[in-house]
Structure formats: C-alpha cells, structure tokens
PDB file of N, CA and C in Angstrom:
ATOM      1  N   ASN A   1     -36.843  -1.736  28.589  1.00  0.00           N
ATOM      2  CA  ASN A   1     -35.884  -2.017  27.922  1.00  0.00           C
ATOM      3  C   ASN A   1     -36.534  -2.856  26.451  1.00  0.00           C
ATOM      4  N   LYS A   2     -36.514  -2.107  25.230  1.00  0.00           N
ATOM      5  CA  LYS A   2     -37.049  -2.875  24.548  1.00  0.00           C
ATOM      6  C   LYS A   2     -35.940  -3.345  23.577  1.00  0.00           C
ATOM      7  N   GLU A   3     -35.881  -4.120  22.879  1.00  0.00           N
ATOM      8  CA  GLU A   3     -35.048  -4.067  21.504  1.00  0.00           C
ATOM      9  C   GLU A   3     -34.794  -3.286  20.580  1.00  0.00           C
ATOM     10  N   LEU A   4     -33.650  -2.936  20.148  1.00  0.00           N
ATOM     11  CA  LEU A   4     -33.625  -1.708  18.909  1.00  0.00           C
ATOM     12  C   LEU A   4     -33.860  -2.340  17.670  1.00  0.00           C
ATOM     13  N   SER A   5     -34.602  -1.912  16.828  1.00  0.00           N
ATOM     14  CA  SER A   5     -34.651  -2.156  15.295  1.00  0.00           C
ATOM     15  C   SER A   5     -33.643  -2.232  14.655  1.00  0.00           C
ATOM     16  N   SER A   6     -33.409  -3.064  13.633  1.00  0.00           N
ATOM     17  CA  SER A   6     -32.325  -3.073  12.659  1.00  0.00           C
ATOM     18  C   SER A   6     -31.712  -1.286  12.085  1.00  0.00           C
ATOM     19  N   VAL A   7     -32.683  -0.761  11.982  1.00  0.00           N
ATOM     20  CA  VAL A   7     -32.627   0.787  11.623  1.00  0.00           C
ATOM     21  C   VAL A   7     -32.013   1.768  12.800  1.00  0.00           C
ATOM     22  N   GLU A   8     -32.729   1.455  14.037  1.00  0.00           N
ATOM     23  CA  GLU A   8     -31.975   1.715  15.341  1.00  0.00           C
ATOM     24  C   GLU A   8     -30.679   1.783  15.546  1.00  0.00           C
ATOM     25  N   GLN A   9     -30.490   0.539  15.434  1.00  0.00           N
ATOM     26  CA  GLN A   9     -28.887  -0.464  15.708  1.00  0.00           C
ATOM     27  C   GLN A   9     -28.111   0.280  14.302  1.00  0.00           C
ATOM     28  N   GLN A  10     -28.551   0.910  13.347  1.00  0.00           N
ATOM     29  CA  GLN A  10     -27.729   1.377  12.382  1.00  0.00           C
ATOM     30  C   GLN A  10     -27.364   2.544  12.784  1.00  0.00           C
ATOM     31  N   PHE A  11     -28.269   3.304  13.129  1.00  0.00           N
ATOM     32  CA  PHE A  11     -28.421   5.105  13.682  1.00  0.00           C
ATOM     33  C   PHE A  11     -27.442   5.127  14.907  1.00  0.00           C
ATOM     34  N   ALA A  12     -27.281   4.084  15.628  1.00  0.00           N
ATOM     35  CA  ALA A  12     -26.891   4.061  16.574  1.00  0.00           C
ATOM     36  C   ALA A  12     -25.056   4.133  16.783  1.00  0.00           C
ATOM     37  N   LEU A  13     -24.858   3.485  15.446  1.00  0.00           N
ATOM     38  CA  LEU A  13     -23.184   3.147  15.137  1.00  0.00           C
ATOM     39  C   LEU A  13     -22.467   4.608  14.759  1.00  0.00           C
ATOM     40  N   ASP A  14     -21.082   4.573  14.939  1.00  0.00           N
ATOM     41  CA  ASP A  14     -20.407   5.491  14.730  1.00  0.00           C
ATOM     42  C   ASP A  14     -20.385   5.995  13.249  1.00  0.00           C
ATOM     43  N   ASN A  15     -20.118   7.590  13.500  1.00  0.00           N
ATOM     44  CA  ASN A  15     -20.174   7.796  11.931  1.00  0.00           C
ATOM     45  C   ASN A  15     -18.579   7.495  11.186  1.00  0.00           C
ATOM     46  N   PHE A  16     -18.942   7.133   9.997  1.00  0.00           N
ATOM     47  CA  PHE A  16     -17.649   7.242   9.271  1.00  0.00           C
ATOM     48  C   PHE A  16     -17.008   8.529   8.476  1.00  0.00           C
ATOM     49  N   ASP A  17     -15.957   9.193   9.167  1.00  0.00           N
ATOM     50  CA  ASP A  17     -15.271  10.096   8.826  1.00  0.00           C
ATOM     51  C   ASP A  17     -14.493   9.705   7.267  1.00  0.00           C
ATOM     52  N   THR A  18     -15.281  10.047   6.192  1.00  0.00           N
ATOM     53  CA  THR A  18     -14.438   9.665   5.046  1.00  0.00           C
ATOM     54  C   THR A  18     -13.645  10.261   4.669  1.00  0.00           C
ATOM     55  N   GLN A  19     -13.245  11.331   4.795  1.00  0.00           N
ATOM     56  CA  GLN A  19     -12.252  12.257   4.301  1.00  0.00           C
ATOM     57  C   GLN A  19     -10.612  11.804   5.003  1.00  0.00           C
ATOM     58  N   ILE A  20     -10.676  11.837   6.581  1.00  0.00           N
ATOM     59  CA  ILE A  20      -9.756  11.303   7.180  1.00  0.00           C
ATOM     60  C   ILE A  20      -9.418  10.034   7.034  1.00  0.00           C
ATOM     61  N   LYS A  21     -10.594   8.848   7.422  1.00  0.00           N
ATOM     62  CA  LYS A  21     -10.187   7.703   7.521  1.00  0.00           C
ATOM     63  C   LYS A  21      -9.750   6.961   5.601  1.00  0.00           C
ATOM     64  N   LEU A  22     -10.202   7.456   5.052  1.00  0.00           N
ATOM     65  CA  LEU A  22      -9.691   7.297   3.481  1.00  0.00           C
ATOM     66  C   LEU A  22      -8.528   8.145   3.321  1.00  0.00           C
ATOM     67  N   VAL A  23      -8.157   8.910   3.552  1.00  0.00           N
ATOM     68  CA  VAL A  23      -6.691   9.700   3.422  1.00  0.00           C
ATOM     69  C   VAL A  23      -5.617   8.969   4.298  1.00  0.00           C
ATOM     70  N   LYS A  24      -6.123   8.009   5.634  1.00  0.00           N
ATOM     71  CA  LYS A  24      -5.068   7.767   6.104  1.00  0.00           C
ATOM     72  C   LYS A  24      -4.987   6.199   5.332  1.00  0.00           C
ATOM     73  N   ARG A  25      -5.972   5.625   4.591  1.00  0.00           N
ATOM     74  CA  ARG A  25      -5.628   4.390   4.101  1.00  0.00           C
ATOM     75  C   ARG A  25      -4.927   4.523   2.993  1.00  0.00           C
ATOM     76  N   TYR A  26      -5.610   5.694   2.137  1.00  0.00           N
ATOM     77  CA  TYR A  26      -4.265   5.808   1.088  1.00  0.00           C
ATOM     78  C   TYR A  26      -2.632   5.959   1.492  1.00  0.00           C
ATOM     79  N   MET A  27      -2.230   6.561   2.692  1.00  0.00           N
ATOM     80  CA  MET A  27      -1.215   6.649   3.117  1.00  0.00           C
ATOM     81  C   MET A  27      -0.687   5.651   3.355  1.00  0.00           C
ATOM     82  N   ARG A  28      -1.426   4.540   3.995  1.00  0.00           N
ATOM     83  CA  ARG A  28      -1.053   3.298   4.300  1.00  0.00           C
ATOM     84  C   ARG A  28      -0.375   2.584   3.113  1.00  0.00           C
ATOM     85  N   GLN A  29      -1.451   2.400   2.074  1.00  0.00           N
ATOM     86  CA  GLN A  29      -1.090   1.962   1.111  1.00  0.00           C
ATOM     87  C   GLN A  29      -0.180   2.429   0.244  1.00  0.00           C
ATOM     88  N   THR A  30       0.242   3.605   0.239  1.00  0.00           N
ATOM     89  CA  THR A  30       1.105   4.004  -0.355  1.00  0.00           C
ATOM     90  C   THR A  30       2.020   3.611   0.037  1.00  0.00           C
ATOM     91  N   ILE A  31       2.688   3.863   1.430  1.00  0.00           N
ATOM     92  CA  ILE A  31       3.805   3.401   2.322  1.00  0.00           C
ATOM     93  C   ILE A  31       4.050   1.963   2.042  1.00  0.00           C
ATOM     94  N   MET A  32       2.856   0.916   1.801  1.00  0.00           N
ATOM     95  CA  MET A  32       3.230  -0.252   1.949  1.00  0.00           C
ATOM     96  C   MET A  32       3.826  -0.408   0.443  1.00  0.00           C
ATOM     97  N   PHE A  33       3.079   0.276  -0.889  1.00  0.00           N
ATOM     98  CA  PHE A  33       3.544   0.171  -2.114  1.00  0.00           C
ATOM     99  C   PHE A  33       5.098   0.967  -2.357  1.00  0.00           C
ATOM    100  N   GLY A  34       5.561   1.637  -1.527  1.00  0.00           N
ATOM    101  CA  GLY A  34       6.819   2.202  -1.654  1.00  0.00           C
ATOM    102  C   GLY A  34       7.776   1.184  -0.849  1.00  0.00           C
ATOM    103  N   TYR A  35       7.783   0.720   0.154  1.00  0.00           N
ATOM    104  CA  TYR A  35       8.556  -0.569   0.687  1.00  0.00           C
ATOM    105  C   TYR A  35       8.473  -1.471  -0.388  1.00  0.00           C
ATOM    106  N   ILE A  36       7.406  -2.050  -0.825  1.00  0.00           N
ATOM    107  CA  ILE A  36       7.550  -3.061  -2.125  1.00  0.00           C
ATOM    108  C   ILE A  36       8.220  -2.786  -3.030  1.00  0.00           C
ATOM    109  N   VAL A  37       8.239  -1.629  -3.728  1.00  0.00           N
ATOM    110  CA  VAL A  37       8.446  -1.377  -4.972  1.00  0.00           C
ATOM    111  C   VAL A  37       9.811  -0.708  -4.691  1.00  0.00           C
ATOM    112  N   LEU A  38      10.615  -0.334  -4.012  1.00  0.00           N
ATOM    113  CA  LEU A  38      11.724  -0.089  -3.842  1.00  0.00           C
ATOM    114  C   LEU A  38      12.734  -0.901  -3.441  1.00  0.00           C
ATOM    115  N   PHE A  39      12.318  -1.975  -2.836  1.00  0.00           N
ATOM    116  CA  PHE A  39      13.266  -3.134  -2.240  1.00  0.00           C
ATOM    117  C   PHE A  39      12.905  -4.216  -2.236  1.00  0.00           C
ATOM    118  N   VAL A  40      12.140  -4.504  -3.970  1.00  0.00           N
ATOM    119  CA  VAL A  40      12.013  -5.869  -4.141  1.00  0.00           C
ATOM    120  C   VAL A  40      12.746  -6.443  -4.708  1.00  0.00           C
ATOM    121  N   ALA A  41      13.590  -6.256  -4.898  1.00  0.00           N
ATOM    122  CA  ALA A  41      15.105  -6.981  -5.337  1.00  0.00           C
ATOM    123  C   ALA A  41      15.815  -7.586  -4.077  1.00  0.00           C
ATOM    124  N   ALA A  42      15.671  -6.885  -3.092  1.00  0.00           N
ATOM    125  CA  ALA A  42      16.376  -7.505  -1.641  1.00  0.00           C
ATOM    126  C   ALA A  42      15.311  -8.408  -1.031  1.00  0.00           C
ATOM    127  N   LEU A  43      14.100  -8.530  -1.605  1.00  0.00           N
ATOM    128  CA  LEU A  43      13.441  -9.568  -0.778  1.00  0.00           C
ATOM    129  C   LEU A  43      12.206  -9.792  -1.868  1.00  0.00           C
ATOM    130  N   PRO A  44      12.319 -10.636  -2.713  1.00  0.00           N
ATOM    131  CA  PRO A  44      11.496 -10.815  -3.831  1.00  0.00           C
ATOM    132  C   PRO A  44       9.808 -11.253  -3.144  1.00  0.00           C
ATOM    133  N   ILE A  45       9.929 -11.747  -2.296  1.00  0.00           N
ATOM    134  CA  ILE A  45       8.559 -12.482  -1.601  1.00  0.00           C
ATOM    135  C   ILE A  45       7.805 -11.036  -1.433  1.00  0.00           C
ATOM    136  N   ALA A  46       8.207 -10.005  -1.312  1.00  0.00           N
ATOM    137  CA  ALA A  46       7.680  -8.868  -0.605  1.00  0.00           C
ATOM    138  C   ALA A  46       6.667  -8.424  -1.348  1.00  0.00           C
ATOM    139  N   PRO A  47       6.484  -8.448  -2.790  1.00  0.00           N
ATOM    140  CA  PRO A  47       4.854  -8.779  -3.286  1.00  0.00           C
ATOM    141  C   PRO A  47       3.213  -9.137  -3.270  1.00  0.00           C
ATOM    142  N   LEU A  48       3.688 -10.737  -2.883  1.00  0.00           N
ATOM    143  CA  LEU A  48       3.340 -11.492  -1.890  1.00  0.00           C
ATOM    144  C   LEU A  48       2.911 -11.217  -0.879  1.00  0.00           C
ATOM    145  N   LEU A  49       3.751 -11.153  -0.071  1.00  0.00           N
ATOM    146  CA  LEU A  49       3.360 -10.462   1.383  1.00  0.00           C
ATOM    147  C   LEU A  49       2.756  -9.230   1.280  1.00  0.00           C
ATOM    148  N   GLY A  50       3.086  -8.728   0.640  1.00  0.00           N
ATOM    149  CA  GLY A  50       2.185  -7.067   0.746  1.00  0.00           C
ATOM    150  C   GLY A  50       0.378  -7.438   0.463  1.00  0.00           C
ATOM    151  N   TYR A  51       0.674  -8.470  -1.056  1.00  0.00           N
ATOM    152  CA  TYR A  51      -0.941  -8.668  -1.240  1.00  0.00           C
ATOM    153  C   TYR A  51      -1.714  -9.260  -0.210  1.00  0.00           C
ATOM    154  N   ILE A  52      -1.022 -10.464   0.540  1.00  0.00           N
ATOM    155  CA  ILE A  52      -1.774 -10.827   1.586  1.00  0.00           C
ATOM    156  C   ILE A  52      -2.413 -10.171   2.513  1.00  0.00           C
ATOM    157  N   SER A  53      -1.388  -9.004   3.272  1.00  0.00           N
ATOM    158  CA  SER A  53      -1.580  -8.116   4.066  1.00  0.00           C
ATOM    159  C   SER A  53      -2.738  -7.104   3.593  1.00  0.00           C
ATOM    160  N   ASN A  54      -2.763  -6.892   1.817  1.00  0.00           N
ATOM    161  CA  ASN A  54      -3.647  -5.867   1.454  1.00  0.00           C
ATOM    162  C   ASN A  54      -5.060  -6.598   1.532  1.00  0.00           C
ATOM    163  N   GLN A  55      -5.150  -7.678   1.451  1.00  0.00           N
ATOM    164  CA  GLN A  55      -6.489  -8.687   1.467  1.00  0.00           C
ATOM    165  C   GLN A  55      -6.870  -8.603   2.701  1.00  0.00           C
ATOM    166  N   LEU A  56      -6.233  -8.929   3.542  1.00  0.00           N
ATOM    167  CA  LEU A  56      -6.809  -8.879   5.156  1.00  0.00           C
ATOM    168  C   LEU A  56      -7.104  -7.541   5.440  1.00  0.00           C
ATOM    169  N   GLU A  57      -6.457  -6.709   5.380  1.00  0.00           N
ATOM    170  CA  GLU A  57      -6.784  -5.152   5.641  1.00  0.00           C
ATOM    171  C   GLU A  57      -7.681  -4.947   5.054  1.00  0.00           C
ATOM    172  N   THR A  58      -8.172  -5.058   3.616  1.00  0.00           N
ATOM    173  CA  THR A  58      -9.849  -4.655   2.839  1.00  0.00           C
ATOM    174  C   THR A  58     -10.708  -5.600   3.604  1.00  0.00           C
ATOM    175  N   TYR A  59     -10.525  -6.703   3.765  1.00  0.00           N
ATOM    176  CA  TYR A  59     -11.315  -7.767   4.323  1.00  0.00           C
ATOM    177  C   TYR A  59     -11.784  -6.993   5.933  1.00  0.00           C
ATOM    178  N   PHE A  60     -11.067  -6.615   6.672  1.00  0.00           N
ATOM    179  CA  PHE A  60     -11.420  -6.241   8.444  1.00  0.00           C
ATOM    180  C   PHE A  60     -11.758  -4.865   7.911  1.00  0.00           C
ATOM    181  N   PHE A  61     -11.277  -3.855   7.058  1.00  0.00           N
ATOM    182  CA  PHE A  61     -12.153  -2.758   6.861  1.00  0.00           C
ATOM    183  C   PHE A  61     -13.257  -3.022   6.539  1.00  0.00           C
ATOM    184  N   GLY A  62     -13.709  -3.683   5.603  1.00  0.00           N
ATOM    185  CA  GLY A  62     -15.048  -4.111   5.060  1.00  0.00           C
ATOM    186  C   GLY A  62     -16.250  -4.420   5.998  1.00  0.00           C
ATOM    187  N   LEU A  63     -15.399  -4.991   7.009  1.00  0.00           N
ATOM    188  CA  LEU A  63     -15.930  -5.751   8.486  1.00  0.00           C
ATOM    189  C   LEU A  63     -16.491  -4.475   9.210  1.00  0.00           C
ATOM    190  N   SER A  64     -15.247  -3.447   9.550  1.00  0.00           N
ATOM    191  CA  SER A  64     -15.557  -2.497  10.240  1.00  0.00           C
ATOM    192  C   SER A  64     -16.712  -1.678   9.556  1.00  0.00           C
ATOM    193  N   LEU A  65     -17.024  -1.629   8.106  1.00  0.00           N
ATOM    194  CA  LEU A  65     -17.838  -0.402   7.680  1.00  0.00           C
ATOM    195  C   LEU A  65     -19.461  -1.386   7.908  1.00  0.00           C
ATOM    196  N   LEU A  66     -19.323  -2.442   7.632  1.00  0.00           N
ATOM    197  CA  LEU A  66     -20.652  -3.308   7.830  1.00  0.00           C
ATOM    198  C   LEU A  66     -21.226  -3.560   9.220  1.00  0.00           C
ATOM    199  N   HIS A  67     -20.479  -3.628  10.168  1.00  0.00           N
ATOM    200  CA  HIS A  67     -20.687  -3.900  11.686  1.00  0.00           C
ATOM    201  C   HIS A  67     -20.542  -2.708  12.435  1.00  0.00           C
ATOM    202  N   LEU A  68     -19.550  -1.958  12.595  1.00  0.00           N
ATOM    203  CA  LEU A  68     -19.292  -1.044  13.261  1.00  0.00           C
ATOM    204  C   LEU A  68     -19.169   0.470  13.056  1.00  0.00           C
ATOM    205  N   GLN A  69     -19.841   0.845  11.891  1.00  0.00           N
ATOM    206  CA  GLN A  69     -20.098   2.113  11.487  1.00  0.00           C
ATOM    207  C   GLN A  69     -21.079   2.305  10.867  1.00  0.00           C
ATOM    208  N   LYS A  70     -21.204   3.496  10.720  1.00  0.00           N
ATOM    209  CA  LYS A  70     -22.394   3.861   9.995  1.00  0.00           C
ATOM    210  C   LYS A  70     -22.092   3.990   8.511  1.00  0.00           C
ATOM    211  N   ARG A  71     -23.222   3.507   7.502  1.00  0.00           N
ATOM    212  CA  ARG A  71     -22.780   3.731   6.064  1.00  0.00           C
ATOM    213  C   ARG A  71     -22.425   5.033   5.474  1.00  0.00           C
ATOM    214  N   PRO A  72     -21.178   5.113   5.013  1.00  0.00           N
ATOM    215  CA  PRO A  72     -21.014   6.538   4.056  1.00  0.00           C
ATOM    216  C   PRO A  72     -21.595   6.695   3.109  1.00  0.00           C
ATOM    217  N   ILE A  73     -21.909   8.195   2.639  1.00  0.00           N
ATOM    218  CA  ILE A  73     -22.593   8.372   1.696  1.00  0.00           C
ATOM    219  C   ILE A  73     -21.240   8.562   0.499  1.00  0.00           C
ATOM    220  N   GLY A  74     -21.455   7.833  -0.530  1.00  0.00           N
ATOM    221  CA  GLY A  74     -21.013   7.955  -1.609  1.00  0.00           C
ATOM    222  C   GLY A  74     -20.516   8.918  -2.332  1.00  0.00           C
ATOM    223  N   LEU A  75     -19.337   9.166  -2.688  1.00  0.00           N
ATOM    224  CA  LEU A  75     -18.790  10.820  -3.297  1.00  0.00           C
ATOM    225  C   LEU A  75     -17.842  10.330  -4.502  1.00  0.00           C
ATOM    226  N   GLY A  76     -18.560  11.009  -5.651  1.00  0.00           N
ATOM    227  CA  GLY A  76     -17.680  10.874  -6.662  1.00  0.00           C
ATOM    228  C   GLY A  76     -16.463  11.698  -6.586  1.00  0.00           C
ATOM    229  N   ILE A  77     -15.336  11.399  -6.599  1.00  0.00           N
ATOM    230  CA  ILE A  77     -14.321  12.131  -7.490  1.00  0.00           C
ATOM    231  C   ILE A  77     -13.297  11.862  -8.593  1.00  0.00           C
ATOM    232  N   GLN A  78     -12.725  12.740  -9.177  1.00  0.00           N
ATOM    233  CA  GLN A  78     -12.380  12.384 -10.125  1.00  0.00           C
ATOM    234  C   GLN A  78     -10.893  11.742 -10.166  1.00  0.00           C
ATOM    235  N   ASP A  79     -10.266  11.766  -9.524  1.00  0.00           N
ATOM    236  CA  ASP A  79      -8.926  11.173  -9.356  1.00  0.00           C
ATOM    237  C   ASP A  79      -8.617  10.650  -7.882  1.00  0.00           C
ATOM    238  N   ILE A  80      -6.777  10.266  -7.819  1.00  0.00           N
ATOM    239  CA  ILE A  80      -6.851  10.287  -5.962  1.00  0.00           C
ATOM    240  C   ILE A  80      -5.700  11.290  -5.706  1.00  0.00           C
ATOM    241  N   GLY A  81      -6.028  12.474  -6.569  1.00  0.00           N
ATOM    242  CA  GLY A  81      -4.971  13.660  -6.034  1.00  0.00           C
ATOM    243  C   GLY A  81      -3.883  13.681  -6.123  1.00  0.00           C
ATOM    244  N   ALA A  82      -3.046  14.218  -4.810  1.00  0.00           N
ATOM    245  CA  ALA A  82      -1.744  14.113  -4.500  1.00  0.00           C
ATOM    246  C   ALA A  82      -1.215  12.737  -4.687  1.00  0.00           C
ATOM    247  N   PHE A  83      -1.736  11.506  -4.314  1.00  0.00           N
ATOM    248  CA  PHE A  83      -0.953  10.337  -4.152  1.00  0.00           C
ATOM    249  C   PHE A  83      -0.867   9.827  -5.225  1.00  0.00           C
ATOM    250  N   GLN A  84      -1.232  10.118  -6.717  1.00  0.00           N
ATOM    251  CA  GLN A  84      -1.135   9.776  -7.739  1.00  0.00           C
ATOM    252  C   GLN A  84       0.424  10.095  -8.009  1.00  0.00           C
ATOM    253  N   LEU A  85       0.801  11.547  -7.405  1.00  0.00           N
ATOM    254  CA  LEU A  85       2.136  12.195  -7.734  1.00  0.00           C
ATOM    255  C   LEU A  85       3.311  10.892  -7.094  1.00  0.00           C
ATOM    256  N   CYS A  86       2.588  10.842  -5.828  1.00  0.00           N
ATOM    257  CA  CYS A  86       3.404  10.199  -5.007  1.00  0.00           C
ATOM    258  C   CYS A  86       3.964   8.621  -5.751  1.00  0.00           C
ATOM    259  N   LEU A  87       2.762   8.097  -6.162  1.00  0.00           N
ATOM    260  CA  LEU A  87       2.975   6.948  -6.489  1.00  0.00           C
ATOM    261  C   LEU A  87       3.701   6.553  -7.925  1.00  0.00           C
ATOM    262  N   GLU A  88       3.991   7.931  -8.596  1.00  0.00           N
ATOM    263  CA  GLU A  88       4.747   8.047  -9.744  1.00  0.00           C
ATOM    264  C   GLU A  88       6.586   8.140  -9.694  1.00  0.00           C
ATOM    265  N   ILE A  89       6.258   8.898  -8.501  1.00  0.00           N
ATOM    266  CA  ILE A  89       7.906   9.176  -7.943  1.00  0.00           C
ATOM    267  C   ILE A  89       8.211   7.846  -7.374  1.00  0.00           C
ATOM    268  N   LEU A  90       7.650   6.952  -6.807  1.00  0.00           N
ATOM    269  CA  LEU A  90       7.949   5.697  -6.097  1.00  0.00           C
ATOM    270  C   LEU A  90       8.388   4.843  -7.379  1.00  0.00           C
ATOM    271  N   ALA A  91       7.297   4.541  -8.049  1.00  0.00           N
ATOM    272  CA  ALA A  91       7.621   3.905  -9.178  1.00  0.00           C
ATOM    273  C   ALA A  91       8.913   4.284  -9.971  1.00  0.00           C
ATOM    274  N   SER A  92       9.076   5.536 -10.032  1.00  0.00           N
ATOM    275  CA  SER A  92      10.575   6.160 -10.754  1.00  0.00           C
ATOM    276  C   SER A  92      11.912   5.524  -9.526  1.00  0.00           C
ATOM    277  N   LEU A  93      11.618   6.107  -8.822  1.00  0.00           N
ATOM    278  CA  LEU A  93      12.503   5.814  -7.725  1.00  0.00           C
ATOM    279  C   LEU A  93      12.893   4.315  -7.501  1.00  0.00           C
ATOM    280  N   ALA A  94      11.988   3.327  -7.647  1.00  0.00           N
ATOM    281  CA  ALA A  94      12.324   2.038  -7.718  1.00  0.00           C
ATOM    282  C   ALA A  94      13.191   1.728  -8.996  1.00  0.00           C
ATOM    283  N   VAL A  95      13.241   2.217  -9.879  1.00  0.00           N
ATOM    284  CA  VAL A  95      13.947   1.723 -11.032  1.00  0.00           C
ATOM    285  C   VAL A  95      15.595   1.842 -10.452  1.00  0.00           C
ATOM    286  N   ILE A  96      15.865   3.044  -9.970  1.00  0.00           N
ATOM    287  CA  ILE A  96      17.037   3.328  -9.324  1.00  0.00           C
ATOM    288  C   ILE A  96      17.522   2.734  -8.276  1.00  0.00           C
ATOM    289  N   THR A  97      16.832   2.355  -7.358  1.00  0.00           N
ATOM    290  CA  THR A  97      16.675   1.464  -6.035  1.00  0.00           C
ATOM    291  C   THR A  97      17.200   0.163  -6.570  1.00  0.00           C
ATOM    292  N   ASN A  98      16.265  -0.314  -7.085  1.00  0.00           N
ATOM    293  CA  ASN A  98      16.400  -1.918  -7.397  1.00  0.00           C
ATOM    294  C   ASN A  98      17.651  -1.870  -8.175  1.00  0.00           C
ATOM    295  N   ALA A  99      17.832  -0.920  -9.255  1.00  0.00           N
ATOM    296  CA  ALA A  99      19.378  -1.606 -10.115  1.00  0.00           C
ATOM    297  C   ALA A  99      20.431  -1.332  -9.107  1.00  0.00           C
ATOM    298  N   ALA A 100      20.518  -0.505  -8.285  1.00  0.00           N
ATOM    299  CA  ALA A 100      21.749  -0.295  -7.344  1.00  0.00           C
ATOM    300  C   ALA A 100      21.711  -1.371  -6.597  1.00  0.00           C
ATOM    301  N   ILE A 101      20.712  -1.623  -5.889  1.00  0.00           N
ATOM    302  CA  ILE A 101      20.233  -3.281  -5.010  1.00  0.00           C
ATOM    303  C   ILE A 101      21.063  -4.544  -5.678  1.00  0.00           C
ATOM    304  N   VAL A 102      20.928  -4.345  -6.875  1.00  0.00           N
ATOM    305  CA  VAL A 102      21.178  -5.825  -8.076  1.00  0.00           C
ATOM    306  C   VAL A 102      22.818  -5.346  -8.420  1.00  0.00           C
ATOM    307  N   LEU A 103      23.244  -4.151  -8.336  1.00  0.00           N
ATOM    308  CA  LEU A 103      24.599  -3.936  -8.756  1.00  0.00           C
ATOM    309  C   LEU A 103      25.270  -3.486  -7.558  1.00  0.00           C
ATOM    310  N   PHE A 104      25.037  -3.871  -6.430  1.00  0.00           N
ATOM    311  CA  PHE A 104      26.232  -3.885  -5.366  1.00  0.00           C
ATOM    312  C   PHE A 104      25.845  -5.011  -4.774  1.00  0.00           C
ATOM    313  N   ALA A 105      24.865  -5.818  -5.067  1.00  0.00           N
ATOM    314  CA  ALA A 105      25.040  -7.338  -4.117  1.00  0.00           C
ATOM    315  C   ALA A 105      25.362  -8.225  -5.072  1.00  0.00           C
ATOM    316  N   MET A 106      25.652  -8.112  -6.709  1.00  0.00           N
ATOM    317  CA  MET A 106      26.093  -8.819  -7.517  1.00  0.00           C
ATOM    318  C   MET A 106      27.539  -9.318  -7.190  1.00  0.00           C
ATOM    319  N   GLU A 107      27.397 -10.521  -7.152  1.00  0.00           N
ATOM    320  CA  GLU A 107      28.821 -11.184  -6.870  1.00  0.00           C
ATOM    321  C   GLU A 107      29.599 -11.428  -8.637  1.00  0.00           C
ATOM    322  N   THR A 108      31.118 -11.048  -8.657  1.00  0.00           N
ATOM    323  CA  THR A 108      31.570 -11.339  -9.823  1.00  0.00           C
ATOM    324  C   THR A 108      32.729 -12.360  -9.538  1.00  0.00           C
ATOM    325  N   SER A 109      32.904 -13.076 -10.365  1.00  0.00           N
ATOM    326  CA  SER A 109      33.883 -14.225 -10.403  1.00  0.00           C
ATOM    327  C   SER A 109      35.238 -13.717 -10.544  1.00  0.00           C
ATOM    328  N   ASP A 110      36.360 -14.512 -10.052  1.00  0.00           N
ATOM    329  CA  ASP A 110      37.559 -14.075  -9.978  1.00  0.00           C
ATOM    330  C   ASP A 110      38.212 -13.329 -11.097  1.00  0.00           C
ATOM    331  N   SER A 111      37.709 -14.153 -12.185  1.00  0.00           N
ATOM    332  CA  SER A 111      38.230 -13.850 -13.829  1.00  0.00           C
ATOM    333  C   SER A 111      37.685 -12.505 -14.073  1.00  0.00           C
ATOM    334  N   GLU A 112      36.471 -12.051 -13.620  1.00  0.00           N
ATOM    335  CA  GLU A 112      35.834 -10.395 -13.807  1.00  0.00           C
ATOM    336  C   GLU A 112      36.606  -9.763 -13.022  1.00  0.00           C
ATOM    337  N   ARG A 113      36.950  -9.849 -11.731  1.00  0.00           N
ATOM    338  CA  ARG A 113      37.956  -9.027 -10.789  1.00  0.00           C
ATOM    339  C   ARG A 113      39.284  -8.707 -11.595  1.00  0.00           C
ATOM    340  N   ASN A 114      40.024  -9.746 -11.971  1.00  0.00           N
ATOM    341  CA  ASN A 114      41.241  -9.726 -12.571  1.00  0.00           C
ATOM    342  C   ASN A 114      41.286  -8.875 -13.809  1.00  0.00           C
ATOM    343  N   HIS A 115      40.169  -8.760 -14.404  1.00  0.00           N
ATOM    344  CA  HIS A 115      40.234  -8.443 -15.926  1.00  0.00           C
ATOM    345  C   HIS A 115      40.145  -6.882 -15.515  1.00  0.00           C
ATOM    346  N   THR A 116      41.478  -6.242 -16.884  1.00  0.00           N
ATOM    347  CA  THR A 116      41.400  -4.746 -16.792  1.00  0.00           C
ATOM    348  C   THR A 116      40.906  -4.386 -18.145  1.00  0.00           C
ATOM    349  N   PHE A 117      40.547  -3.155 -18.042  1.00  0.00           N
ATOM    350  CA  PHE A 117      39.959  -2.594 -19.695  1.00  0.00           C
ATOM    351  C   PHE A 117      41.453  -1.775 -20.083  1.00  0.00           C
ATOM    352  N   THR A 118      41.871  -2.022 -21.146  1.00  0.00           N
ATOM    353  CA  THR A 118      42.909  -1.231 -21.714  1.00  0.00           C
ATOM    354  C   THR A 118      41.830  -0.101 -22.800  1.00  0.00           C
ATOM    355  N   SER A 119      42.548   1.092 -23.077  1.00  0.00           N
ATOM    356  CA  SER A 119      41.786   1.893 -24.021  1.00  0.00           C
ATOM    357  C   SER A 119      43.270   2.123 -25.267  1.00  0.00           C
TER     358      SER A 119
END
C-alpha cells in the first residue's frame, strides 16, 4: 500500500452532479426566501435567522466541494431560469400577505371600535 498523491486523491472523490445539486440548492433557497418574505411581519427576526442559516449552509457546501467531491467544471449560464419567476411571484405575494398579517393582527383602541362612519 503506497500513499496516494494529491491528484490521485482528488480523482478518487465523488463526482459533483452540477445540475441536480444546484437545482436542489436553488429550491431550498427559494423556499427559505418564501418563508422569510411571506411571514416577516409575523416574525421580524426571520431575515436575520435566514441570513445566519444561509451563511452556515454556504460554508458547509464549500467544505463539501473542497474535501468530499471532485471540482465541478464551471459552466456559463445566462440567468437562473424559472427560479426568477418564482422569486418575483413570492415577492409580490409577500406584499399582500404581510399587509394582511399587519391588518388582522393590529389592535384597535376602544374609541376606534365604537366609531361609526356616516355618509
């Protein structure tokens, strides 16, 4: 048994399936974005928690790429595809959802409750 060189060690690592792994990563990020923007009015600390989670995930993803998998071949792409539309729809729905949360969770004073509008 002889020691493997660093090139042989790299060659022995698992292949990185770019398409599948990156699509799964985009899906996870889109779902997290959705939870954060749709319910930020209910849990204002959600963006901070999402940021910390994202930083940890990026760190461990980087470690995985460095030590557990072969280096992927860089491919140029024009945009993020269908995920762009999903993110735009989530951002639009977030305005409605957060407005509804604020509206229904808002407490009114007694004078506002007893006030009647006449026309």
